Amino acid sequence: MIEEKLLTESFFSQRTSKIKRFVEVHRFARFLNKIVPKEKKIVLVGIGDPEVHADYVGPNSIALIQYFMDSVPMYGNILFPVKGGNTNEYAKKLREKYPDSVIIGIDATIGKAETGTIIISNRPVNPGSGMNLHYDPMGDVSILGIIGESQGLVLAKKNDEAIDRMTEFIAEAIICWVTNYRHQALTDGNFFEKAPFAPTARKDK
C-alpha cells in the first residue's frame, strides 16, 4: 500500500552540469522507489492536451518513455491523450483495470517555483486544478511539472526550452527508476498491447 503519511519532494530538471543532472535523475528515481512498494506493479498516465501549449508535459513524457520502454502499461500519449472530458472516464476505468497497481500520474501545473521544478508526492493528481477546472483525482502518485505562475499559460510560452528539458528529464528519470531500482526490463516484447478503452499506441521505433 501507498504510505498514508504525505511524502513529497521537489526536483529541478534544468541542471546544465552533467554530474548534477545525473545526481538529480537518481534522486528522483530513489524517491519514487521510496514511495512506491517494490512488490506493486505500476501504471503510468500522462495527463494533458498535447495540442495546448505547455500542457504537453504529461503526454510528451509518456511518448518519450514509450519510445524506449514498453514493459509498463502507459496511457495518455500524444496520439491518445488523457485530457478534459475523458479524464474522469480514465480515472475510473484505470482503477477498475489495475485495482492492485500503483497508478502514477504525470501532469503540468502552475506554481511559484521556478519553471522546470518537478514535485512528486504520494497523492493523486488533481487534473485541471491549476486552471480552476475540477476532474476526478487520478491515481496514487503524482509527478507535477511546474510550467510557470500565470493562469492561462501566458507566462509559460516564454519557457519552451525549459518545459522540453523537463519532459526529457521526467522520461529519463522514470526509465532510470524502472530499470535500475525496480530491475525491470525495458521491453516485454509486446509493443502493441491494447486496452479495451482508448488504448495507448506507439509509432514505429
N, C-alpha and C. Protein backbone atom coordinates (compact mmCIF):
# COMPACT_ATOMS: atom_id res chain seq x y z
N MET A 1 0.84 -1.20 0.00
CA MET A 1 0.00 0.00 0.00
C MET A 1 0.87 1.25 0.00
N ILE A 2 0.31 2.35 -0.55
CA ILE A 2 1.00 3.62 -0.52
C ILE A 2 0.98 4.17 0.92
N GLU A 3 2.09 4.70 1.37
CA GLU A 3 2.20 5.30 2.70
C GLU A 3 1.11 6.35 2.90
N GLU A 4 0.38 6.26 4.03
CA GLU A 4 -0.69 7.22 4.29
C GLU A 4 -0.14 8.61 4.59
N LYS A 5 0.98 8.67 5.27
CA LYS A 5 1.59 9.96 5.58
C LYS A 5 2.03 10.64 4.28
N LEU A 6 1.76 11.93 4.16
CA LEU A 6 2.14 12.67 2.96
C LEU A 6 3.66 12.71 2.84
N LEU A 7 4.15 12.26 1.70
CA LEU A 7 5.57 12.32 1.37
C LEU A 7 5.71 13.09 0.07
N THR A 8 6.48 14.14 0.09
CA THR A 8 6.64 14.95 -1.12
C THR A 8 8.07 15.44 -1.23
N GLU A 9 8.52 15.62 -2.45
CA GLU A 9 9.89 16.09 -2.69
C GLU A 9 9.91 16.84 -4.01
N SER A 10 10.79 17.82 -4.11
CA SER A 10 10.91 18.58 -5.35
C SER A 10 12.27 18.33 -5.99
N PHE A 11 12.29 18.47 -7.31
CA PHE A 11 13.48 18.20 -8.10
C PHE A 11 13.59 19.29 -9.17
N PHE A 12 14.80 19.55 -9.62
CA PHE A 12 15.00 20.60 -10.61
C PHE A 12 15.57 20.00 -11.88
N SER A 13 14.85 20.17 -12.98
CA SER A 13 15.19 19.48 -14.23
C SER A 13 16.12 20.26 -15.14
N GLN A 14 16.55 21.46 -14.70
CA GLN A 14 17.29 22.34 -15.60
C GLN A 14 18.80 22.36 -15.32
N ARG A 15 19.31 21.37 -14.63
CA ARG A 15 20.74 21.33 -14.34
C ARG A 15 21.54 21.26 -15.65
N THR A 16 22.53 22.12 -15.80
CA THR A 16 23.34 22.11 -17.01
C THR A 16 24.58 21.24 -16.86
N SER A 17 25.03 21.06 -15.64
CA SER A 17 26.15 20.16 -15.39
C SER A 17 25.70 18.71 -15.53
N LYS A 18 26.46 17.92 -16.27
CA LYS A 18 26.10 16.52 -16.46
C LYS A 18 26.09 15.77 -15.14
N ILE A 19 27.05 16.10 -14.27
CA ILE A 19 27.12 15.42 -12.98
C ILE A 19 25.91 15.77 -12.12
N LYS A 20 25.57 17.07 -12.08
CA LYS A 20 24.41 17.48 -11.27
C LYS A 20 23.12 16.89 -11.82
N ARG A 21 23.01 16.81 -13.14
CA ARG A 21 21.81 16.21 -13.73
C ARG A 21 21.74 14.73 -13.37
N PHE A 22 22.87 14.03 -13.46
CA PHE A 22 22.92 12.61 -13.12
C PHE A 22 22.45 12.41 -11.68
N VAL A 23 22.96 13.24 -10.78
CA VAL A 23 22.58 13.14 -9.37
C VAL A 23 21.09 13.39 -9.20
N GLU A 24 20.55 14.38 -9.89
CA GLU A 24 19.13 14.73 -9.75
C GLU A 24 18.23 13.63 -10.31
N VAL A 25 18.64 13.04 -11.43
CA VAL A 25 17.88 11.92 -12.00
C VAL A 25 17.79 10.78 -11.01
N HIS A 26 18.90 10.45 -10.37
CA HIS A 26 18.89 9.32 -9.43
C HIS A 26 18.19 9.70 -8.12
N ARG A 27 18.25 10.94 -7.75
CA ARG A 27 17.50 11.38 -6.56
C ARG A 27 16.00 11.21 -6.81
N PHE A 28 15.55 11.59 -8.00
CA PHE A 28 14.16 11.41 -8.44
C PHE A 28 13.79 9.93 -8.39
N ALA A 29 14.65 9.09 -8.97
CA ALA A 29 14.37 7.65 -9.03
C ALA A 29 14.32 7.05 -7.62
N ARG A 30 15.23 7.46 -6.75
CA ARG A 30 15.25 6.92 -5.39
C ARG A 30 14.01 7.33 -4.60
N PHE A 31 13.52 8.55 -4.85
CA PHE A 31 12.32 8.97 -4.13
C PHE A 31 11.10 8.16 -4.59
N LEU A 32 10.98 7.94 -5.91
CA LEU A 32 9.89 7.08 -6.38
C LEU A 32 10.02 5.69 -5.77
N ASN A 33 11.24 5.21 -5.66
CA ASN A 33 11.46 3.89 -5.08
C ASN A 33 11.05 3.85 -3.61
N LYS A 34 11.15 4.98 -2.95
CA LYS A 34 10.79 5.08 -1.53
C LYS A 34 9.27 5.05 -1.35
N ILE A 35 8.53 5.70 -2.24
CA ILE A 35 7.08 5.83 -2.01
C ILE A 35 6.25 4.78 -2.75
N VAL A 36 6.86 4.05 -3.69
CA VAL A 36 6.12 3.01 -4.42
C VAL A 36 6.65 1.65 -3.99
N PRO A 37 5.82 0.82 -3.37
CA PRO A 37 6.29 -0.50 -2.93
C PRO A 37 6.80 -1.33 -4.10
N LYS A 38 7.93 -1.98 -3.90
CA LYS A 38 8.56 -2.73 -4.99
C LYS A 38 7.70 -3.90 -5.46
N GLU A 39 6.89 -4.43 -4.55
CA GLU A 39 6.07 -5.59 -4.93
C GLU A 39 4.86 -5.20 -5.76
N LYS A 40 4.57 -3.89 -5.85
CA LYS A 40 3.41 -3.43 -6.59
C LYS A 40 3.77 -3.17 -8.06
N LYS A 41 2.89 -3.57 -8.95
CA LYS A 41 3.06 -3.20 -10.35
C LYS A 41 2.68 -1.73 -10.52
N ILE A 42 3.19 -1.12 -11.58
CA ILE A 42 2.93 0.30 -11.80
C ILE A 42 2.27 0.55 -13.14
N VAL A 43 1.53 1.65 -13.20
CA VAL A 43 0.90 2.12 -14.44
C VAL A 43 1.23 3.61 -14.55
N LEU A 44 1.62 4.05 -15.74
CA LEU A 44 1.95 5.46 -15.96
C LEU A 44 0.87 6.12 -16.80
N VAL A 45 0.47 7.32 -16.38
CA VAL A 45 -0.58 8.05 -17.09
C VAL A 45 -0.12 9.49 -17.31
N GLY A 46 -0.04 9.91 -18.56
CA GLY A 46 0.24 11.30 -18.88
C GLY A 46 -1.07 12.06 -19.02
N ILE A 47 -1.19 13.17 -18.34
CA ILE A 47 -2.43 13.95 -18.35
C ILE A 47 -2.15 15.30 -19.00
N GLY A 48 -2.98 15.66 -19.97
CA GLY A 48 -2.79 16.95 -20.62
C GLY A 48 -3.09 16.87 -22.11
N ASP A 49 -3.20 18.02 -22.71
CA ASP A 49 -3.51 18.14 -24.13
C ASP A 49 -2.24 18.46 -24.90
N PRO A 50 -1.75 17.55 -25.74
CA PRO A 50 -0.50 17.81 -26.47
C PRO A 50 -0.60 18.96 -27.47
N GLU A 51 -1.82 19.40 -27.77
CA GLU A 51 -2.00 20.49 -28.72
C GLU A 51 -2.14 21.85 -28.03
N VAL A 52 -2.15 21.84 -26.71
CA VAL A 52 -2.25 23.09 -25.96
C VAL A 52 -0.88 23.41 -25.39
N HIS A 53 -0.42 24.61 -25.66
CA HIS A 53 0.93 24.99 -25.24
C HIS A 53 1.15 24.78 -23.75
N ALA A 54 2.26 24.13 -23.45
CA ALA A 54 2.73 23.88 -22.08
C ALA A 54 1.91 22.83 -21.35
N ASP A 55 0.79 22.39 -21.91
CA ASP A 55 0.01 21.33 -21.26
C ASP A 55 0.48 19.96 -21.72
N TYR A 56 1.57 19.94 -22.48
CA TYR A 56 2.01 18.68 -23.07
C TYR A 56 3.04 17.93 -22.23
N VAL A 57 3.30 18.39 -21.01
CA VAL A 57 4.30 17.72 -20.17
C VAL A 57 3.96 16.25 -19.99
N GLY A 58 2.71 15.94 -19.64
CA GLY A 58 2.30 14.55 -19.42
C GLY A 58 2.39 13.71 -20.67
N PRO A 59 1.66 14.08 -21.74
CA PRO A 59 1.69 13.24 -22.96
C PRO A 59 3.06 13.13 -23.61
N ASN A 60 3.84 14.22 -23.60
CA ASN A 60 5.17 14.14 -24.20
C ASN A 60 6.11 13.25 -23.39
N SER A 61 5.99 13.31 -22.06
CA SER A 61 6.80 12.43 -21.23
C SER A 61 6.48 10.96 -21.51
N ILE A 62 5.20 10.66 -21.60
CA ILE A 62 4.79 9.28 -21.89
C ILE A 62 5.30 8.85 -23.26
N ALA A 63 5.18 9.73 -24.26
CA ALA A 63 5.65 9.40 -25.61
C ALA A 63 7.14 9.08 -25.62
N LEU A 64 7.92 9.86 -24.88
CA LEU A 64 9.36 9.61 -24.81
C LEU A 64 9.65 8.28 -24.12
N ILE A 65 8.96 8.02 -23.01
CA ILE A 65 9.17 6.75 -22.30
C ILE A 65 8.80 5.58 -23.20
N GLN A 66 7.69 5.69 -23.91
CA GLN A 66 7.23 4.60 -24.77
C GLN A 66 8.21 4.30 -25.89
N TYR A 67 8.97 5.30 -26.30
CA TYR A 67 9.93 5.09 -27.37
C TYR A 67 11.02 4.10 -26.94
N PHE A 68 11.32 4.08 -25.64
CA PHE A 68 12.40 3.24 -25.13
C PHE A 68 11.91 2.04 -24.32
N MET A 69 10.67 2.08 -23.86
CA MET A 69 10.24 1.08 -22.89
C MET A 69 8.77 0.74 -23.10
N ASP A 70 8.46 -0.55 -23.00
CA ASP A 70 7.05 -0.95 -23.08
C ASP A 70 6.69 -2.00 -22.04
N SER A 71 7.55 -2.18 -21.04
CA SER A 71 7.30 -3.21 -20.03
C SER A 71 6.34 -2.75 -18.94
N VAL A 72 5.91 -1.49 -19.02
CA VAL A 72 4.96 -0.93 -18.06
C VAL A 72 3.75 -0.41 -18.83
N PRO A 73 2.52 -0.68 -18.37
CA PRO A 73 1.35 -0.10 -19.04
C PRO A 73 1.39 1.42 -18.97
N MET A 74 1.13 2.07 -20.12
CA MET A 74 1.17 3.53 -20.18
C MET A 74 -0.04 4.06 -20.96
N TYR A 75 -0.57 5.15 -20.49
CA TYR A 75 -1.73 5.79 -21.11
C TYR A 75 -1.48 7.30 -21.18
N GLY A 76 -2.17 7.94 -22.12
CA GLY A 76 -2.09 9.39 -22.21
C GLY A 76 -0.88 9.87 -22.97
N ASN A 77 -0.70 9.35 -24.19
CA ASN A 77 0.40 9.84 -25.01
C ASN A 77 -0.11 10.89 -26.00
N ILE A 78 0.69 11.19 -27.02
CA ILE A 78 0.33 12.23 -27.97
C ILE A 78 -0.85 11.80 -28.85
N LEU A 79 -0.90 10.52 -29.19
CA LEU A 79 -1.95 10.04 -30.09
C LEU A 79 -3.27 9.81 -29.37
N PHE A 80 -3.19 9.37 -28.13
CA PHE A 80 -4.40 9.09 -27.34
C PHE A 80 -4.30 9.82 -26.00
N PRO A 81 -4.47 11.13 -25.99
CA PRO A 81 -4.28 11.91 -24.76
C PRO A 81 -5.38 11.67 -23.73
N VAL A 82 -4.99 11.80 -22.48
CA VAL A 82 -5.94 11.83 -21.36
C VAL A 82 -6.11 13.30 -21.02
N LYS A 83 -7.26 13.85 -21.34
CA LYS A 83 -7.45 15.29 -21.19
C LYS A 83 -8.92 15.62 -21.03
N GLY A 84 -9.19 16.75 -20.40
CA GLY A 84 -10.54 17.31 -20.34
C GLY A 84 -11.62 16.29 -20.09
N GLY A 85 -12.51 16.16 -21.07
CA GLY A 85 -13.72 15.37 -20.91
C GLY A 85 -13.51 13.89 -20.67
N ASN A 86 -12.37 13.32 -21.08
CA ASN A 86 -12.20 11.88 -20.87
C ASN A 86 -11.43 11.55 -19.59
N THR A 87 -11.03 12.58 -18.84
CA THR A 87 -10.20 12.36 -17.66
C THR A 87 -10.93 11.53 -16.60
N ASN A 88 -12.18 11.85 -16.35
CA ASN A 88 -12.94 11.10 -15.34
C ASN A 88 -13.12 9.64 -15.75
N GLU A 89 -13.35 9.42 -17.05
CA GLU A 89 -13.52 8.05 -17.54
C GLU A 89 -12.23 7.24 -17.33
N TYR A 90 -11.10 7.85 -17.66
CA TYR A 90 -9.83 7.16 -17.45
C TYR A 90 -9.58 6.88 -15.97
N ALA A 91 -9.85 7.86 -15.12
CA ALA A 91 -9.62 7.66 -13.69
C ALA A 91 -10.39 6.45 -13.18
N LYS A 92 -11.62 6.31 -13.63
CA LYS A 92 -12.47 5.20 -13.19
C LYS A 92 -12.03 3.87 -13.81
N LYS A 93 -11.81 3.87 -15.12
CA LYS A 93 -11.52 2.61 -15.80
C LYS A 93 -10.12 2.09 -15.53
N LEU A 94 -9.18 2.99 -15.34
CA LEU A 94 -7.84 2.51 -14.99
C LEU A 94 -7.82 1.87 -13.61
N ARG A 95 -8.58 2.43 -12.68
CA ARG A 95 -8.66 1.83 -11.35
C ARG A 95 -9.33 0.47 -11.43
N GLU A 96 -10.35 0.33 -12.29
CA GLU A 96 -11.01 -0.96 -12.46
C GLU A 96 -10.09 -1.98 -13.11
N LYS A 97 -9.33 -1.54 -14.09
CA LYS A 97 -8.46 -2.45 -14.85
C LYS A 97 -7.22 -2.85 -14.04
N TYR A 98 -6.72 -1.92 -13.20
CA TYR A 98 -5.50 -2.18 -12.44
C TYR A 98 -5.75 -1.93 -10.95
N PRO A 99 -6.62 -2.74 -10.33
CA PRO A 99 -7.02 -2.45 -8.94
C PRO A 99 -5.89 -2.58 -7.93
N ASP A 100 -4.88 -3.40 -8.25
CA ASP A 100 -3.81 -3.64 -7.28
C ASP A 100 -2.50 -2.95 -7.66
N SER A 101 -2.53 -2.17 -8.73
CA SER A 101 -1.32 -1.48 -9.17
C SER A 101 -1.26 -0.06 -8.62
N VAL A 102 -0.05 0.50 -8.61
CA VAL A 102 0.13 1.90 -8.26
C VAL A 102 0.07 2.71 -9.55
N ILE A 103 -0.91 3.59 -9.64
CA ILE A 103 -1.08 4.42 -10.83
C ILE A 103 -0.38 5.76 -10.60
N ILE A 104 0.53 6.10 -11.50
CA ILE A 104 1.34 7.31 -11.37
C ILE A 104 0.94 8.30 -12.45
N GLY A 105 0.44 9.45 -12.04
CA GLY A 105 0.01 10.47 -12.98
C GLY A 105 1.09 11.52 -13.19
N ILE A 106 1.28 11.92 -14.46
CA ILE A 106 2.24 12.97 -14.81
C ILE A 106 1.45 14.11 -15.43
N ASP A 107 1.62 15.31 -14.89
CA ASP A 107 0.81 16.44 -15.35
C ASP A 107 1.61 17.74 -15.23
N ALA A 108 1.21 18.73 -15.98
CA ALA A 108 1.76 20.08 -15.83
C ALA A 108 0.96 20.81 -14.76
N THR A 109 1.61 21.76 -14.11
CA THR A 109 0.89 22.55 -13.13
C THR A 109 1.48 23.96 -13.07
N ILE A 110 0.73 24.86 -12.47
CA ILE A 110 1.16 26.24 -12.30
C ILE A 110 1.60 26.42 -10.85
N GLY A 111 2.71 27.13 -10.66
CA GLY A 111 3.20 27.34 -9.30
C GLY A 111 4.23 28.44 -9.25
N LYS A 112 4.61 28.82 -8.06
CA LYS A 112 5.55 29.91 -7.88
C LYS A 112 7.01 29.47 -7.96
N ALA A 113 7.24 28.16 -7.91
CA ALA A 113 8.60 27.66 -8.05
C ALA A 113 9.08 27.89 -9.48
N GLU A 114 10.37 27.82 -9.66
CA GLU A 114 10.95 28.08 -10.98
C GLU A 114 10.46 27.05 -12.00
N THR A 115 10.20 27.53 -13.22
CA THR A 115 9.79 26.64 -14.30
C THR A 115 10.84 25.53 -14.44
N GLY A 116 10.36 24.30 -14.55
CA GLY A 116 11.26 23.16 -14.62
C GLY A 116 11.38 22.41 -13.31
N THR A 117 10.78 22.96 -12.26
CA THR A 117 10.73 22.25 -10.98
C THR A 117 9.70 21.14 -11.07
N ILE A 118 10.00 20.00 -10.52
CA ILE A 118 9.10 18.84 -10.54
C ILE A 118 8.80 18.45 -9.10
N ILE A 119 7.53 18.26 -8.81
CA ILE A 119 7.12 17.88 -7.45
C ILE A 119 6.47 16.50 -7.51
N ILE A 120 6.99 15.60 -6.71
CA ILE A 120 6.45 14.24 -6.61
C ILE A 120 5.84 14.07 -5.23
N SER A 121 4.66 13.46 -5.17
CA SER A 121 4.07 13.15 -3.87
C SER A 121 3.27 11.86 -3.97
N ASN A 122 3.02 11.27 -2.81
CA ASN A 122 2.23 10.05 -2.76
C ASN A 122 0.74 10.39 -2.61
N ARG A 123 0.30 11.26 -3.49
CA ARG A 123 -1.10 11.67 -3.57
C ARG A 123 -1.53 11.71 -5.03
N PRO A 124 -2.82 11.57 -5.32
CA PRO A 124 -3.28 11.59 -6.71
C PRO A 124 -3.04 12.94 -7.37
N VAL A 125 -3.04 12.92 -8.70
CA VAL A 125 -3.08 14.17 -9.47
C VAL A 125 -4.51 14.70 -9.42
N ASN A 126 -4.64 16.01 -9.31
CA ASN A 126 -5.95 16.65 -9.41
C ASN A 126 -5.99 17.42 -10.74
N PRO A 127 -6.37 16.74 -11.82
CA PRO A 127 -6.27 17.36 -13.15
C PRO A 127 -7.09 18.65 -13.26
N GLY A 128 -6.49 19.65 -13.88
CA GLY A 128 -7.20 20.90 -14.15
C GLY A 128 -7.26 21.86 -13.00
N SER A 129 -6.73 21.49 -11.84
CA SER A 129 -6.89 22.35 -10.66
C SER A 129 -6.21 23.70 -10.84
N GLY A 130 -5.10 23.72 -11.57
CA GLY A 130 -4.39 24.98 -11.80
C GLY A 130 -5.15 25.94 -12.69
N MET A 131 -6.12 25.42 -13.42
CA MET A 131 -6.92 26.25 -14.33
C MET A 131 -8.35 26.40 -13.83
N ASN A 132 -8.55 26.10 -12.54
CA ASN A 132 -9.88 26.16 -11.92
C ASN A 132 -10.87 25.21 -12.58
N LEU A 133 -10.37 24.10 -13.07
CA LEU A 133 -11.20 23.03 -13.60
C LEU A 133 -11.11 21.87 -12.61
N HIS A 134 -12.17 21.13 -12.49
CA HIS A 134 -12.20 20.10 -11.45
C HIS A 134 -12.64 18.77 -12.04
N TYR A 135 -11.69 17.84 -12.09
CA TYR A 135 -11.95 16.48 -12.55
C TYR A 135 -11.64 15.52 -11.40
N ASP A 136 -12.01 14.26 -11.59
CA ASP A 136 -11.76 13.28 -10.55
C ASP A 136 -10.25 13.09 -10.35
N PRO A 137 -9.82 12.88 -9.11
CA PRO A 137 -8.40 12.61 -8.87
C PRO A 137 -7.93 11.39 -9.66
N MET A 138 -6.69 11.44 -10.11
CA MET A 138 -6.13 10.37 -10.93
C MET A 138 -4.97 9.70 -10.21
N GLY A 139 -5.13 8.40 -9.95
CA GLY A 139 -4.03 7.60 -9.49
C GLY A 139 -3.69 7.69 -8.02
N ASP A 140 -2.45 7.27 -7.73
CA ASP A 140 -1.97 7.17 -6.34
C ASP A 140 -0.76 8.06 -6.08
N VAL A 141 0.02 8.32 -7.12
CA VAL A 141 1.24 9.11 -7.02
C VAL A 141 1.19 10.18 -8.10
N SER A 142 1.64 11.39 -7.77
CA SER A 142 1.62 12.48 -8.74
C SER A 142 3.04 12.96 -9.02
N ILE A 143 3.28 13.22 -10.31
CA ILE A 143 4.51 13.86 -10.77
C ILE A 143 4.08 15.12 -11.49
N LEU A 144 4.32 16.28 -10.89
CA LEU A 144 3.82 17.54 -11.41
C LEU A 144 4.98 18.42 -11.85
N GLY A 145 4.93 18.84 -13.12
CA GLY A 145 5.96 19.71 -13.66
C GLY A 145 5.49 21.15 -13.70
N ILE A 146 6.20 22.03 -13.04
CA ILE A 146 5.80 23.43 -12.97
C ILE A 146 6.19 24.15 -14.26
N ILE A 147 5.19 24.80 -14.88
CA ILE A 147 5.40 25.44 -16.18
C ILE A 147 5.37 26.96 -16.10
N GLY A 148 5.12 27.52 -14.93
CA GLY A 148 5.06 28.96 -14.76
C GLY A 148 4.06 29.35 -13.69
N GLU A 149 3.86 30.63 -13.52
CA GLU A 149 2.96 31.13 -12.47
C GLU A 149 1.61 31.55 -13.01
N SER A 150 1.50 31.86 -14.30
CA SER A 150 0.31 32.51 -14.82
C SER A 150 -0.78 31.53 -15.22
N GLN A 151 -1.99 31.78 -14.81
CA GLN A 151 -3.13 31.05 -15.35
C GLN A 151 -3.28 31.41 -16.81
N GLY A 152 -3.81 30.45 -17.56
CA GLY A 152 -3.94 30.68 -18.98
C GLY A 152 -2.66 30.38 -19.74
N LEU A 153 -1.61 29.94 -19.01
CA LEU A 153 -0.35 29.52 -19.60
C LEU A 153 0.35 30.63 -20.36
N VAL A 154 0.03 31.89 -20.06
CA VAL A 154 0.63 33.01 -20.78
C VAL A 154 2.13 33.06 -20.55
N LEU A 155 2.55 33.00 -19.29
CA LEU A 155 3.97 33.09 -18.99
C LEU A 155 4.73 31.87 -19.48
N ALA A 156 4.05 30.74 -19.53
CA ALA A 156 4.73 29.51 -19.91
C ALA A 156 5.24 29.58 -21.34
N LYS A 157 4.67 30.43 -22.19
CA LYS A 157 5.11 30.50 -23.57
C LYS A 157 6.54 31.00 -23.69
N LYS A 158 7.04 31.64 -22.66
CA LYS A 158 8.41 32.12 -22.67
C LYS A 158 9.40 31.03 -22.29
N ASN A 159 8.88 29.86 -21.91
CA ASN A 159 9.74 28.84 -21.32
C ASN A 159 9.73 27.53 -22.10
N ASP A 160 9.63 27.63 -23.43
CA ASP A 160 9.55 26.43 -24.26
C ASP A 160 10.69 25.46 -23.98
N GLU A 161 11.92 25.95 -24.01
CA GLU A 161 13.08 25.07 -23.85
C GLU A 161 13.10 24.44 -22.47
N ALA A 162 12.74 25.21 -21.45
CA ALA A 162 12.72 24.68 -20.09
C ALA A 162 11.69 23.57 -19.96
N ILE A 163 10.54 23.76 -20.57
CA ILE A 163 9.48 22.74 -20.49
C ILE A 163 9.88 21.49 -21.24
N ASP A 164 10.52 21.65 -22.40
CA ASP A 164 11.00 20.49 -23.16
C ASP A 164 12.07 19.73 -22.37
N ARG A 165 12.98 20.46 -21.73
CA ARG A 165 14.00 19.80 -20.92
C ARG A 165 13.37 19.06 -19.75
N MET A 166 12.29 19.62 -19.21
CA MET A 166 11.61 18.97 -18.10
C MET A 166 10.97 17.65 -18.53
N THR A 167 10.33 17.62 -19.69
CA THR A 167 9.73 16.37 -20.15
C THR A 167 10.80 15.31 -20.40
N GLU A 168 11.93 15.73 -20.96
CA GLU A 168 13.03 14.80 -21.18
C GLU A 168 13.57 14.26 -19.85
N PHE A 169 13.67 15.15 -18.87
CA PHE A 169 14.17 14.75 -17.56
C PHE A 169 13.23 13.74 -16.91
N ILE A 170 11.92 14.01 -16.96
CA ILE A 170 10.94 13.09 -16.36
C ILE A 170 11.05 11.71 -17.00
N ALA A 171 11.12 11.68 -18.33
CA ALA A 171 11.22 10.40 -19.03
C ALA A 171 12.51 9.67 -18.64
N GLU A 172 13.62 10.38 -18.63
CA GLU A 172 14.90 9.76 -18.29
C GLU A 172 14.88 9.23 -16.86
N ALA A 173 14.33 10.00 -15.93
CA ALA A 173 14.33 9.59 -14.54
C ALA A 173 13.42 8.39 -14.29
N ILE A 174 12.28 8.35 -14.97
CA ILE A 174 11.37 7.20 -14.80
C ILE A 174 12.00 5.94 -15.38
N ILE A 175 12.63 6.05 -16.54
CA ILE A 175 13.31 4.88 -17.12
C ILE A 175 14.42 4.42 -16.20
N CYS A 176 15.17 5.37 -15.63
CA CYS A 176 16.22 5.03 -14.65
C CYS A 176 15.63 4.29 -13.47
N TRP A 177 14.52 4.78 -12.95
CA TRP A 177 13.87 4.14 -11.80
C TRP A 177 13.44 2.71 -12.13
N VAL A 178 12.76 2.55 -13.25
CA VAL A 178 12.23 1.24 -13.61
C VAL A 178 13.35 0.23 -13.84
N THR A 179 14.40 0.63 -14.52
CA THR A 179 15.46 -0.32 -14.87
C THR A 179 16.49 -0.51 -13.76
N ASN A 180 16.88 0.56 -13.09
CA ASN A 180 17.97 0.47 -12.11
C ASN A 180 17.51 0.18 -10.68
N TYR A 181 16.28 0.56 -10.36
CA TYR A 181 15.80 0.41 -8.99
C TYR A 181 14.72 -0.67 -8.86
N ARG A 182 13.87 -0.77 -9.87
CA ARG A 182 12.87 -1.85 -9.86
C ARG A 182 13.36 -3.08 -10.61
N HIS A 183 14.45 -2.93 -11.34
CA HIS A 183 15.09 -4.03 -12.06
C HIS A 183 14.14 -4.70 -13.05
N GLN A 184 13.38 -3.88 -13.76
CA GLN A 184 12.53 -4.38 -14.83
C GLN A 184 13.22 -4.18 -16.16
N ALA A 185 12.91 -5.07 -17.10
CA ALA A 185 13.44 -4.93 -18.45
C ALA A 185 12.75 -3.76 -19.14
N LEU A 186 13.41 -3.20 -20.16
CA LEU A 186 12.80 -2.12 -20.92
C LEU A 186 11.63 -2.60 -21.73
N THR A 187 11.67 -3.85 -22.19
CA THR A 187 10.61 -4.35 -23.05
C THR A 187 10.16 -5.73 -22.63
N ASP A 188 8.89 -6.00 -22.86
CA ASP A 188 8.38 -7.36 -22.67
C ASP A 188 8.04 -7.98 -24.01
N GLY A 189 8.42 -7.30 -25.10
CA GLY A 189 8.21 -7.83 -26.44
C GLY A 189 6.86 -7.56 -27.04
N ASN A 190 5.98 -6.88 -26.31
CA ASN A 190 4.64 -6.62 -26.83
C ASN A 190 4.44 -5.11 -26.96
N PHE A 191 4.76 -4.59 -28.14
CA PHE A 191 4.70 -3.14 -28.33
C PHE A 191 3.30 -2.63 -28.62
N PHE A 192 2.34 -3.51 -28.86
CA PHE A 192 1.03 -3.05 -29.28
C PHE A 192 -0.09 -3.58 -28.40
N GLU A 193 0.20 -3.73 -27.12
CA GLU A 193 -0.85 -4.13 -26.18
C GLU A 193 -1.93 -3.07 -26.17
N LYS A 194 -3.18 -3.49 -26.27
CA LYS A 194 -4.27 -2.53 -26.34
C LYS A 194 -5.24 -2.75 -25.18
N ALA A 195 -5.64 -1.67 -24.58
CA ALA A 195 -6.67 -1.72 -23.54
C ALA A 195 -8.04 -1.71 -24.23
N PRO A 196 -9.10 -2.15 -23.54
CA PRO A 196 -10.42 -2.18 -24.15
C PRO A 196 -11.03 -0.79 -24.33
N PHE A 197 -10.38 0.21 -23.81
CA PHE A 197 -10.89 1.59 -23.96
C PHE A 197 -9.73 2.49 -24.35
N ALA A 198 -9.86 3.21 -25.44
CA ALA A 198 -8.89 4.20 -25.91
C ALA A 198 -7.46 3.79 -25.60
N PRO A 199 -6.91 2.79 -26.32
CA PRO A 199 -5.61 2.24 -25.97
C PRO A 199 -4.46 3.23 -26.18
N THR A 200 -3.36 2.93 -25.52
CA THR A 200 -2.14 3.65 -25.84
C THR A 200 -1.64 3.14 -27.18
N ALA A 201 -0.77 3.87 -27.80
CA ALA A 201 -0.21 3.43 -29.07
C ALA A 201 1.17 4.04 -29.22
N ARG A 202 1.96 3.45 -30.06
CA ARG A 202 3.27 3.99 -30.30
C ARG A 202 3.60 3.85 -31.78
N LYS A 203 4.40 4.77 -32.27
CA LYS A 203 4.84 4.72 -33.65
C LYS A 203 5.97 3.70 -33.77
N ASP A 204 6.37 3.44 -35.01
CA ASP A 204 7.49 2.54 -35.25
C ASP A 204 8.71 3.03 -34.50
N LYS A 205 9.45 2.13 -33.99
CA LYS A 205 10.63 2.51 -33.20
C LYS A 205 11.71 3.10 -34.10
